[in-house]
Amino acid sequence: MTANAIKHDNRIKETLGSRIFNVINAILLLFLCVLTLYPMWYCLVASFTATSYLSAHQGIMLLPHVVTTSAYRLAFTHPLLLSGYKNILIILLVSLPINILLTLFTGYFLASKNVLLKPVIQFLIMFTMFFNGGMIPIYLNIRDLGIYNTLWSLILPGAISVYTCIICRTAIQAVPESLTESAYLDGANDLVIVFRITLPLIMPTIAVLLLYYGVGHWNAWFPASIYLQDNNKLPIQNIMRSILIANSNLLNSSGSEMDRVDDFAETIKYSTIILTTVPVLCIYPFLQKFFVKGVMVGAVKG
């Protein structure tokens, strides 16, 4: 028999029931995709639509009507929106290296064997995953440390997550012990093993952790509303929340400016949503392949 004939004989014949299942499954998945993507598409369309049309026409909207870009121009000229972007970028640039280093060291410790007092320290680390001091003690601690009303109050308290440490530990445990043992025999210490052996081998997991931490910092608005007093120190999510919920209280209060805001009250809400979500949506496709590899670490055991 030829190779094509063998290949043809080895194919599994698709039954009528499996075809019906595939069709229904495809329709269901397509419906879920539309259901998931439509809210984002609606925000994009509404951000280019005049407020007068949005107020008069409720319901599904597939294309922009009475197209205008005034809301985007007004948003880009607003000083608090630009300062919000600047603050969140500073938070990300400072906090992400701290997050990854602390998570890497903690994961390496949890994955190590024959470490002094490891059960006790591991219990204390896991204990913080389920219990904490509460909002008031954390607030008093931040105030006494002298970082109240500074960006450090958004960086240091959430510098490490036990959940991400567990993910990192699982990835490190998948590294063959023979590599670390041979490194010890060659005279390498733990720092050399962490940065020259362990870190390069778990880069997909590190990419996932960067995404977790980055999205967490990007979406965090509650800590800033507690620990920051100056509006020019607020990150972008707090500015967006003020525009969406507080009826644009953070916008300039001069008469002519407020008239412009009232003219685009609804449109500027949707344009602000787009401006604050697009950066994350643009970064995710580049990390997607690492994300799939990272979340599958430890899922299959040989």
C-alpha atoms as a PDB file:
ATOM      1  CA  MET A   1       0.000   0.000   0.000  1.00  0.00           C
ATOM      2  CA  THR A   2       1.147   3.516  -0.695  1.00  0.00           C
ATOM      3  CA  ALA A   3       1.723   6.084   2.018  1.00  0.00           C
ATOM      4  CA  ASN A   4      -1.376   8.036   0.965  1.00  0.00           C
ATOM      5  CA  ALA A   5      -3.516   4.900   1.158  1.00  0.00           C
ATOM      6  CA  ILE A   6      -2.207   4.060   4.641  1.00  0.00           C
ATOM      7  CA  LYS A   7      -2.839   7.637   5.750  1.00  0.00           C
ATOM      8  CA  HIS A   8      -6.366   7.467   4.312  1.00  0.00           C
ATOM      9  CA  ASP A   9      -7.100   4.170   6.082  1.00  0.00           C
ATOM     10  CA  ASN A  10      -5.799   5.448   9.412  1.00  0.00           C
ATOM     11  CA  ARG A  11      -8.085   8.453   9.420  1.00  0.00           C
ATOM     12  CA  ILE A  12     -10.952   8.296  11.874  1.00  0.00           C
ATOM     13  CA  LYS A  13     -14.265   8.450  10.064  1.00  0.00           C
ATOM     14  CA  GLU A  14     -16.392  11.334  11.253  1.00  0.00           C
ATOM     15  CA  THR A  15     -19.891  10.248  12.188  1.00  0.00           C
ATOM     16  CA  LEU A  16     -23.053  12.282  11.777  1.00  0.00           C
ATOM     17  CA  GLY A  17     -23.253  12.847  15.527  1.00  0.00           C
ATOM     18  CA  SER A  18     -19.695  14.226  15.679  1.00  0.00           C
ATOM     19  CA  ARG A  19     -20.425  16.559  12.764  1.00  0.00           C
ATOM     20  CA  ILE A  20     -23.519  17.904  14.496  1.00  0.00           C
ATOM     21  CA  PHE A  21     -21.506  18.361  17.693  1.00  0.00           C
ATOM     22  CA  ASN A  22     -18.750  20.249  15.851  1.00  0.00           C
ATOM     23  CA  VAL A  23     -21.279  22.563  14.215  1.00  0.00           C
ATOM     24  CA  ILE A  24     -23.060  23.296  17.496  1.00  0.00           C
ATOM     25  CA  ASN A  25     -19.724  23.753  19.245  1.00  0.00           C
ATOM     26  CA  ALA A  26     -18.535  26.207  16.578  1.00  0.00           C
ATOM     27  CA  ILE A  27     -21.779  28.205  16.785  1.00  0.00           C
ATOM     28  CA  LEU A  28     -21.585  28.317  20.576  1.00  0.00           C
ATOM     29  CA  LEU A  29     -17.953  29.465  20.557  1.00  0.00           C
ATOM     30  CA  LEU A  30     -18.712  32.088  17.925  1.00  0.00           C
ATOM     31  CA  PHE A  31     -21.588  33.358  20.051  1.00  0.00           C
ATOM     32  CA  LEU A  32     -19.318  33.560  23.109  1.00  0.00           C
ATOM     33  CA  CYS A  33     -16.697  35.471  21.097  1.00  0.00           C
ATOM     34  CA  VAL A  34     -19.299  37.995  19.942  1.00  0.00           C
ATOM     35  CA  LEU A  35     -20.660  38.267  23.482  1.00  0.00           C
ATOM     36  CA  THR A  36     -17.161  38.929  24.800  1.00  0.00           C
ATOM     37  CA  LEU A  37     -15.925  41.309  22.112  1.00  0.00           C
ATOM     38  CA  TYR A  38     -19.070  43.399  21.622  1.00  0.00           C
ATOM     39  CA  PRO A  39     -18.713  45.469  24.850  1.00  0.00           C
ATOM     40  CA  MET A  40     -15.204  46.523  23.758  1.00  0.00           C
ATOM     41  CA  TRP A  41     -16.430  47.267  20.256  1.00  0.00           C
ATOM     42  CA  TYR A  42     -19.338  49.277  21.657  1.00  0.00           C
ATOM     43  CA  CYS A  43     -16.981  51.394  23.790  1.00  0.00           C
ATOM     44  CA  LEU A  44     -14.813  52.049  20.733  1.00  0.00           C
ATOM     45  CA  VAL A  45     -17.791  53.006  18.572  1.00  0.00           C
ATOM     46  CA  ALA A  46     -19.360  55.138  21.308  1.00  0.00           C
ATOM     47  CA  SER A  47     -16.105  57.017  21.856  1.00  0.00           C
ATOM     48  CA  PHE A  48     -16.399  58.403  18.314  1.00  0.00           C
ATOM     49  CA  THR A  49     -20.144  59.117  18.549  1.00  0.00           C
ATOM     50  CA  ALA A  50     -21.629  62.424  19.645  1.00  0.00           C
ATOM     51  CA  THR A  51     -23.193  62.543  23.113  1.00  0.00           C
ATOM     52  CA  SER A  52     -26.488  63.795  21.680  1.00  0.00           C
ATOM     53  CA  TYR A  53     -26.883  60.594  19.649  1.00  0.00           C
ATOM     54  CA  LEU A  54     -25.864  58.369  22.586  1.00  0.00           C
ATOM     55  CA  SER A  55     -28.434  60.013  24.825  1.00  0.00           C
ATOM     56  CA  ALA A  56     -31.240  59.657  22.292  1.00  0.00           C
ATOM     57  CA  HIS A  57     -30.464  56.139  21.030  1.00  0.00           C
ATOM     58  CA  GLN A  58     -30.070  53.296  23.481  1.00  0.00           C
ATOM     59  CA  GLY A  59     -29.312  49.702  22.583  1.00  0.00           C
ATOM     60  CA  ILE A  60     -27.031  47.924  20.128  1.00  0.00           C
ATOM     61  CA  MET A  61     -24.737  50.104  18.032  1.00  0.00           C
ATOM     62  CA  LEU A  62     -22.413  48.621  15.438  1.00  0.00           C
ATOM     63  CA  LEU A  63     -21.027  51.759  13.778  1.00  0.00           C
ATOM     64  CA  PRO A  64     -20.343  55.305  15.042  1.00  0.00           C
ATOM     65  CA  HIS A  65     -22.955  57.959  14.343  1.00  0.00           C
ATOM     66  CA  VAL A  66     -22.337  61.698  14.125  1.00  0.00           C
ATOM     67  CA  VAL A  67     -18.618  60.937  14.164  1.00  0.00           C
ATOM     68  CA  THR A  68     -16.500  63.179  16.377  1.00  0.00           C
ATOM     69  CA  THR A  69     -13.023  63.063  17.904  1.00  0.00           C
ATOM     70  CA  SER A  70     -13.586  65.961  20.289  1.00  0.00           C
ATOM     71  CA  ALA A  71     -13.666  63.681  23.334  1.00  0.00           C
ATOM     72  CA  TYR A  72     -10.197  62.342  22.530  1.00  0.00           C
ATOM     73  CA  ARG A  73      -8.843  65.843  21.937  1.00  0.00           C
ATOM     74  CA  LEU A  74     -10.313  67.007  25.232  1.00  0.00           C
ATOM     75  CA  ALA A  75      -8.954  63.963  27.052  1.00  0.00           C
ATOM     76  CA  PHE A  76      -5.429  64.398  25.680  1.00  0.00           C
ATOM     77  CA  THR A  77      -5.379  68.072  26.623  1.00  0.00           C
ATOM     78  CA  HIS A  78      -6.443  67.346  30.196  1.00  0.00           C
ATOM     79  CA  PRO A  79      -3.438  67.498  32.577  1.00  0.00           C
ATOM     80  CA  LEU A  80      -4.698  64.877  35.030  1.00  0.00           C
ATOM     81  CA  LEU A  81      -5.076  62.230  32.333  1.00  0.00           C
ATOM     82  CA  LEU A  82      -1.486  62.728  31.207  1.00  0.00           C
ATOM     83  CA  SER A  83      -0.226  62.767  34.793  1.00  0.00           C
ATOM     84  CA  GLY A  84      -2.225  59.580  35.431  1.00  0.00           C
ATOM     85  CA  TYR A  85      -0.409  57.853  32.566  1.00  0.00           C
ATOM     86  CA  LYS A  86       2.911  59.151  33.869  1.00  0.00           C
ATOM     87  CA  ASN A  87       2.209  57.889  37.399  1.00  0.00           C
ATOM     88  CA  ILE A  88       1.112  54.413  36.301  1.00  0.00           C
ATOM     89  CA  LEU A  89       4.185  54.096  34.065  1.00  0.00           C
ATOM     90  CA  ILE A  90       6.432  55.043  36.995  1.00  0.00           C
ATOM     91  CA  ILE A  91       4.658  52.489  39.176  1.00  0.00           C
ATOM     92  CA  LEU A  92       5.098  49.757  36.557  1.00  0.00           C
ATOM     93  CA  LEU A  93       8.757  50.541  35.846  1.00  0.00           C
ATOM     94  CA  VAL A  94       9.663  50.534  39.551  1.00  0.00           C
ATOM     95  CA  SER A  95       7.380  47.815  40.886  1.00  0.00           C
ATOM     96  CA  LEU A  96       7.702  45.099  38.222  1.00  0.00           C
ATOM     97  CA  PRO A  97      11.457  44.453  38.799  1.00  0.00           C
ATOM     98  CA  ILE A  98      10.808  44.360  42.552  1.00  0.00           C
ATOM     99  CA  ASN A  99       7.853  42.005  42.061  1.00  0.00           C
ATOM    100  CA  ILE A 100       9.799  39.582  39.876  1.00  0.00           C
ATOM    101  CA  LEU A 101      12.928  39.550  42.069  1.00  0.00           C
ATOM    102  CA  LEU A 102      11.008  38.911  45.291  1.00  0.00           C
ATOM    103  CA  THR A 103       8.813  36.293  43.642  1.00  0.00           C
ATOM    104  CA  LEU A 104      11.829  34.557  42.096  1.00  0.00           C
ATOM    105  CA  PHE A 105      13.725  34.427  45.386  1.00  0.00           C
ATOM    106  CA  THR A 106      10.671  33.220  47.310  1.00  0.00           C
ATOM    107  CA  GLY A 107       9.840  30.600  44.699  1.00  0.00           C
ATOM    108  CA  TYR A 108      13.449  29.382  44.723  1.00  0.00           C
ATOM    109  CA  PHE A 109      13.324  29.081  48.511  1.00  0.00           C
ATOM    110  CA  LEU A 110      10.032  27.173  48.444  1.00  0.00           C
ATOM    111  CA  ALA A 111      11.380  24.811  45.777  1.00  0.00           C
ATOM    112  CA  SER A 112      14.670  24.164  47.581  1.00  0.00           C
ATOM    113  CA  LYS A 113      15.235  21.093  49.721  1.00  0.00           C
ATOM    114  CA  ASN A 114      16.961  20.691  53.078  1.00  0.00           C
ATOM    115  CA  VAL A 115      16.618  24.377  53.979  1.00  0.00           C
ATOM    116  CA  LEU A 116      16.834  25.382  57.647  1.00  0.00           C
ATOM    117  CA  LEU A 117      13.409  26.145  59.179  1.00  0.00           C
ATOM    118  CA  LYS A 118      11.728  25.763  55.803  1.00  0.00           C
ATOM    119  CA  PRO A 119       8.446  24.276  57.175  1.00  0.00           C
ATOM    120  CA  VAL A 120       8.016  27.158  59.634  1.00  0.00           C
ATOM    121  CA  ILE A 121       8.845  29.871  57.093  1.00  0.00           C
ATOM    122  CA  GLN A 122       6.668  28.214  54.461  1.00  0.00           C
ATOM    123  CA  PHE A 123       3.755  28.120  56.908  1.00  0.00           C
ATOM    124  CA  LEU A 124       4.192  31.812  57.694  1.00  0.00           C
ATOM    125  CA  ILE A 125       4.280  32.651  53.985  1.00  0.00           C
ATOM    126  CA  MET A 126       1.155  30.629  53.267  1.00  0.00           C
ATOM    127  CA  PHE A 127      -0.584  32.125  56.303  1.00  0.00           C
ATOM    128  CA  THR A 128      -0.409  35.596  54.758  1.00  0.00           C
ATOM    129  CA  MET A 129      -2.275  34.282  51.730  1.00  0.00           C
ATOM    130  CA  PHE A 130      -5.432  33.782  53.806  1.00  0.00           C
ATOM    131  CA  PHE A 131      -5.120  36.345  56.610  1.00  0.00           C
ATOM    132  CA  ASN A 132      -3.885  39.920  56.863  1.00  0.00           C
ATOM    133  CA  GLY A 133      -3.989  42.742  59.376  1.00  0.00           C
ATOM    134  CA  GLY A 134      -6.855  44.577  57.704  1.00  0.00           C
ATOM    135  CA  MET A 135      -7.303  47.960  56.095  1.00  0.00           C
ATOM    136  CA  ILE A 136      -6.786  50.155  59.165  1.00  0.00           C
ATOM    137  CA  PRO A 137      -3.542  48.500  60.395  1.00  0.00           C
ATOM    138  CA  ILE A 138      -2.124  48.619  56.853  1.00  0.00           C
ATOM    139  CA  TYR A 139      -3.063  52.302  56.584  1.00  0.00           C
ATOM    140  CA  LEU A 140      -1.411  53.082  59.934  1.00  0.00           C
ATOM    141  CA  ASN A 141       1.669  51.114  58.904  1.00  0.00           C
ATOM    142  CA  ILE A 142       2.002  53.048  55.634  1.00  0.00           C
ATOM    143  CA  ARG A 143       1.542  56.344  57.451  1.00  0.00           C
ATOM    144  CA  ASP A 144       4.159  55.504  60.108  1.00  0.00           C
ATOM    145  CA  LEU A 145       6.628  54.368  57.438  1.00  0.00           C
ATOM    146  CA  GLY A 146       6.439  57.849  55.914  1.00  0.00           C
ATOM    147  CA  ILE A 147       5.265  56.728  52.476  1.00  0.00           C
ATOM    148  CA  TYR A 148       1.732  58.079  52.767  1.00  0.00           C
ATOM    149  CA  ASN A 149       0.750  60.279  49.813  1.00  0.00           C
ATOM    150  CA  THR A 150       3.665  58.943  47.760  1.00  0.00           C
ATOM    151  CA  LEU A 151       3.803  56.445  44.927  1.00  0.00           C
ATOM    152  CA  TRP A 152       5.760  54.103  47.202  1.00  0.00           C
ATOM    153  CA  SER A 153       2.491  53.411  49.027  1.00  0.00           C
ATOM    154  CA  LEU A 154       1.270  51.729  45.814  1.00  0.00           C
ATOM    155  CA  ILE A 155       4.517  49.842  45.176  1.00  0.00           C
ATOM    156  CA  LEU A 156       5.823  48.392  48.434  1.00  0.00           C
ATOM    157  CA  PRO A 157       2.662  46.954  50.128  1.00  0.00           C
ATOM    158  CA  GLY A 158       1.889  44.778  47.098  1.00  0.00           C
ATOM    159  CA  ALA A 159       5.476  43.977  46.190  1.00  0.00           C
ATOM    160  CA  ILE A 160       4.895  40.216  46.364  1.00  0.00           C
ATOM    161  CA  SER A 161       1.979  37.820  45.987  1.00  0.00           C
ATOM    162  CA  VAL A 162       1.923  34.350  47.549  1.00  0.00           C
ATOM    163  CA  TYR A 163      -0.128  33.043  44.636  1.00  0.00           C
ATOM    164  CA  THR A 164       2.514  34.043  42.102  1.00  0.00           C
ATOM    165  CA  CYS A 165       5.201  32.585  44.394  1.00  0.00           C
ATOM    166  CA  ILE A 166       3.437  29.228  44.207  1.00  0.00           C
ATOM    167  CA  ILE A 167       3.394  29.445  40.396  1.00  0.00           C
ATOM    168  CA  CYS A 168       7.093  30.320  40.389  1.00  0.00           C
ATOM    169  CA  ARG A 169       7.885  27.452  42.783  1.00  0.00           C
ATOM    170  CA  THR A 170       6.072  24.980  40.508  1.00  0.00           C
ATOM    171  CA  ALA A 171       8.099  26.187  37.529  1.00  0.00           C
ATOM    172  CA  ILE A 172      11.402  25.941  39.428  1.00  0.00           C
ATOM    173  CA  GLN A 173      10.563  22.426  40.604  1.00  0.00           C
ATOM    174  CA  ALA A 174      10.307  21.413  36.930  1.00  0.00           C
ATOM    175  CA  VAL A 175      13.979  22.331  36.407  1.00  0.00           C
ATOM    176  CA  PRO A 176      16.107  19.133  36.486  1.00  0.00           C
ATOM    177  CA  GLU A 177      18.014  18.749  39.751  1.00  0.00           C
ATOM    178  CA  SER A 178      21.042  17.519  37.827  1.00  0.00           C
ATOM    179  CA  LEU A 179      21.627  21.046  36.524  1.00  0.00           C
ATOM    180  CA  THR A 180      21.774  22.589  39.977  1.00  0.00           C
ATOM    181  CA  GLU A 181      23.834  19.717  41.377  1.00  0.00           C
ATOM    182  CA  SER A 182      26.420  20.049  38.626  1.00  0.00           C
ATOM    183  CA  ALA A 183      26.504  23.813  39.191  1.00  0.00           C
ATOM    184  CA  TYR A 184      27.195  23.269  42.892  1.00  0.00           C
ATOM    185  CA  LEU A 185      30.038  20.878  42.000  1.00  0.00           C
ATOM    186  CA  ASP A 186      31.533  23.562  39.749  1.00  0.00           C
ATOM    187  CA  GLY A 187      31.529  26.019  42.655  1.00  0.00           C
ATOM    188  CA  ALA A 188      28.425  28.070  41.833  1.00  0.00           C
ATOM    189  CA  ASN A 189      26.446  29.614  44.656  1.00  0.00           C
ATOM    190  CA  ASP A 190      22.681  30.084  44.886  1.00  0.00           C
ATOM    191  CA  LEU A 191      22.705  33.517  43.243  1.00  0.00           C
ATOM    192  CA  VAL A 192      24.546  32.150  40.211  1.00  0.00           C
ATOM    193  CA  ILE A 193      22.121  29.228  39.995  1.00  0.00           C
ATOM    194  CA  VAL A 194      19.095  31.512  40.255  1.00  0.00           C
ATOM    195  CA  PHE A 195      20.170  34.022  37.591  1.00  0.00           C
ATOM    196  CA  ARG A 196      22.159  31.832  35.188  1.00  0.00           C
ATOM    197  CA  ILE A 197      20.302  28.512  35.332  1.00  0.00           C
ATOM    198  CA  THR A 198      16.860  28.825  36.878  1.00  0.00           C
ATOM    199  CA  LEU A 199      15.789  32.197  35.461  1.00  0.00           C
ATOM    200  CA  PRO A 200      16.537  31.439  31.765  1.00  0.00           C
ATOM    201  CA  LEU A 201      14.700  28.116  32.010  1.00  0.00           C
ATOM    202  CA  ILE A 202      11.517  29.564  33.509  1.00  0.00           C
ATOM    203  CA  MET A 203      11.243  32.654  31.303  1.00  0.00           C
ATOM    204  CA  PRO A 204       7.739  31.656  30.049  1.00  0.00           C
ATOM    205  CA  THR A 205       6.550  31.641  33.650  1.00  0.00           C
ATOM    206  CA  ILE A 206       8.292  34.958  34.318  1.00  0.00           C
ATOM    207  CA  ALA A 207       6.415  36.448  31.354  1.00  0.00           C
ATOM    208  CA  VAL A 208       3.143  35.221  32.884  1.00  0.00           C
ATOM    209  CA  LEU A 209       4.060  36.734  36.246  1.00  0.00           C
ATOM    210  CA  LEU A 210       4.909  40.030  34.549  1.00  0.00           C
ATOM    211  CA  LEU A 211       1.464  40.003  32.967  1.00  0.00           C
ATOM    212  CA  TYR A 212      -0.223  39.175  36.286  1.00  0.00           C
ATOM    213  CA  TYR A 213       1.620  41.887  38.194  1.00  0.00           C
ATOM    214  CA  GLY A 214       1.354  44.437  35.391  1.00  0.00           C
ATOM    215  CA  VAL A 215      -2.398  44.038  34.945  1.00  0.00           C
ATOM    216  CA  GLY A 216      -2.833  44.069  38.723  1.00  0.00           C
ATOM    217  CA  HIS A 217      -0.997  47.397  39.044  1.00  0.00           C
ATOM    218  CA  TRP A 218      -2.757  48.820  35.989  1.00  0.00           C
ATOM    219  CA  ASN A 219      -6.249  48.022  37.306  1.00  0.00           C
ATOM    220  CA  ALA A 220      -5.628  48.895  40.965  1.00  0.00           C
ATOM    221  CA  TRP A 221      -7.558  52.017  41.943  1.00  0.00           C
ATOM    222  CA  PHE A 222      -8.592  51.359  45.555  1.00  0.00           C
ATOM    223  CA  PRO A 223      -5.146  51.694  47.234  1.00  0.00           C
ATOM    224  CA  ALA A 224      -4.541  55.013  45.489  1.00  0.00           C
ATOM    225  CA  SER A 225      -7.890  56.349  46.686  1.00  0.00           C
ATOM    226  CA  ILE A 226      -6.818  55.614  50.275  1.00  0.00           C
ATOM    227  CA  TYR A 227      -3.119  56.446  50.353  1.00  0.00           C
ATOM    228  CA  LEU A 228      -2.910  59.406  47.959  1.00  0.00           C
ATOM    229  CA  GLN A 229      -4.230  62.906  48.623  1.00  0.00           C
ATOM    230  CA  ASP A 230      -2.832  64.897  45.692  1.00  0.00           C
ATOM    231  CA  ASN A 231      -4.746  64.538  42.441  1.00  0.00           C
ATOM    232  CA  ASN A 232      -1.551  64.892  40.392  1.00  0.00           C
ATOM    233  CA  LYS A 233      -0.232  61.670  41.977  1.00  0.00           C
ATOM    234  CA  LEU A 234      -3.244  59.533  41.095  1.00  0.00           C
ATOM    235  CA  PRO A 235      -2.762  56.721  38.527  1.00  0.00           C
ATOM    236  CA  ILE A 236      -4.822  56.503  35.386  1.00  0.00           C
ATOM    237  CA  GLN A 237      -7.510  54.183  36.796  1.00  0.00           C
ATOM    238  CA  ASN A 238      -8.464  56.689  39.497  1.00  0.00           C
ATOM    239  CA  ILE A 239      -8.763  59.420  36.896  1.00  0.00           C
ATOM    240  CA  MET A 240     -10.977  57.167  34.817  1.00  0.00           C
ATOM    241  CA  ARG A 241     -13.088  56.251  37.830  1.00  0.00           C
ATOM    242  CA  SER A 242     -13.618  59.898  38.640  1.00  0.00           C
ATOM    243  CA  ILE A 243     -14.752  60.594  35.095  1.00  0.00           C
ATOM    244  CA  LEU A 244     -17.052  57.559  34.975  1.00  0.00           C
ATOM    245  CA  ILE A 245     -18.578  57.668  38.447  1.00  0.00           C
ATOM    246  CA  ALA A 246     -17.934  61.056  40.020  1.00  0.00           C
ATOM    247  CA  ASN A 247     -19.319  62.993  37.021  1.00  0.00           C
ATOM    248  CA  SER A 248     -15.934  64.365  35.964  1.00  0.00           C
ATOM    249  CA  ASN A 249     -15.178  66.086  39.293  1.00  0.00           C
ATOM    250  CA  LEU A 250     -11.459  65.988  38.586  1.00  0.00           C
ATOM    251  CA  LEU A 251     -11.850  67.931  35.360  1.00  0.00           C
ATOM    252  CA  ASN A 252     -11.111  71.641  35.202  1.00  0.00           C
ATOM    253  CA  SER A 253     -13.909  73.647  36.785  1.00  0.00           C
ATOM    254  CA  SER A 254     -13.715  76.787  34.653  1.00  0.00           C
ATOM    255  CA  GLY A 255     -16.950  77.772  32.931  1.00  0.00           C
ATOM    256  CA  SER A 256     -15.901  77.368  29.308  1.00  0.00           C
ATOM    257  CA  GLU A 257     -14.068  74.121  30.013  1.00  0.00           C
ATOM    258  CA  MET A 258     -16.999  72.631  31.890  1.00  0.00           C
ATOM    259  CA  ASP A 259     -19.289  73.543  28.995  1.00  0.00           C
ATOM    260  CA  ARG A 260     -17.016  71.531  26.714  1.00  0.00           C
ATOM    261  CA  VAL A 261     -17.088  68.602  29.144  1.00  0.00           C
ATOM    262  CA  ASP A 262     -20.881  68.705  29.344  1.00  0.00           C
ATOM    263  CA  ASP A 263     -21.088  68.624  25.552  1.00  0.00           C
ATOM    264  CA  PHE A 264     -19.076  65.386  25.463  1.00  0.00           C
ATOM    265  CA  ALA A 265     -20.019  63.973  28.885  1.00  0.00           C
ATOM    266  CA  GLU A 266     -20.966  60.512  27.615  1.00  0.00           C
ATOM    267  CA  THR A 267     -18.435  60.307  24.799  1.00  0.00           C
ATOM    268  CA  ILE A 268     -15.500  61.232  27.032  1.00  0.00           C
ATOM    269  CA  LYS A 269     -16.369  58.332  29.338  1.00  0.00           C
ATOM    270  CA  TYR A 270     -16.033  55.827  26.521  1.00  0.00           C
ATOM    271  CA  SER A 271     -12.918  57.490  25.133  1.00  0.00           C
ATOM    272  CA  THR A 272     -11.298  57.293  28.574  1.00  0.00           C
ATOM    273  CA  ILE A 273     -12.120  53.585  28.771  1.00  0.00           C
ATOM    274  CA  ILE A 274     -10.446  53.046  25.407  1.00  0.00           C
ATOM    275  CA  LEU A 275      -7.371  55.048  26.413  1.00  0.00           C
ATOM    276  CA  THR A 276      -6.930  53.027  29.590  1.00  0.00           C
ATOM    277  CA  THR A 277      -7.552  49.531  28.174  1.00  0.00           C
ATOM    278  CA  VAL A 278      -5.830  49.663  24.779  1.00  0.00           C
ATOM    279  CA  PRO A 279      -2.251  49.529  26.215  1.00  0.00           C
ATOM    280  CA  VAL A 280      -2.959  46.211  27.961  1.00  0.00           C
ATOM    281  CA  LEU A 281      -4.673  44.818  24.866  1.00  0.00           C
ATOM    282  CA  CYS A 282      -1.642  45.767  22.758  1.00  0.00           C
ATOM    283  CA  ILE A 283       0.839  44.085  25.108  1.00  0.00           C
ATOM    284  CA  TYR A 284      -1.039  40.816  25.588  1.00  0.00           C
ATOM    285  CA  PRO A 285      -0.559  39.373  22.040  1.00  0.00           C
ATOM    286  CA  PHE A 286       3.235  39.544  22.471  1.00  0.00           C
ATOM    287  CA  LEU A 287       3.024  37.620  25.769  1.00  0.00           C
ATOM    288  CA  GLN A 288       0.337  35.158  24.696  1.00  0.00           C
ATOM    289  CA  LYS A 289       2.695  32.335  23.692  1.00  0.00           C
ATOM    290  CA  PHE A 290       4.575  32.664  26.983  1.00  0.00           C
ATOM    291  CA  PHE A 291       1.288  32.858  28.832  1.00  0.00           C
ATOM    292  CA  VAL A 292       0.110  29.521  27.435  1.00  0.00           C
ATOM    293  CA  LYS A 293       3.435  27.857  28.298  1.00  0.00           C
ATOM    294  CA  GLY A 294       3.546  29.372  31.762  1.00  0.00           C
ATOM    295  CA  VAL A 295       0.079  28.387  32.899  1.00  0.00           C
ATOM    296  CA  MET A 296       0.701  24.799  31.755  1.00  0.00           C
ATOM    297  CA  VAL A 297       3.753  24.421  34.001  1.00  0.00           C
ATOM    298  CA  GLY A 298       3.145  21.478  36.286  1.00  0.00           C
ATOM    299  CA  ALA A 299      -0.102  20.531  34.553  1.00  0.00           C
ATOM    300  CA  VAL A 300       1.417  17.407  32.942  1.00  0.00           C
ATOM    301  CA  LYS A 301       3.665  15.092  34.881  1.00  0.00           C
ATOM    302  CA  GLY A 302       5.836  12.603  33.077  1.00  0.00           C
END
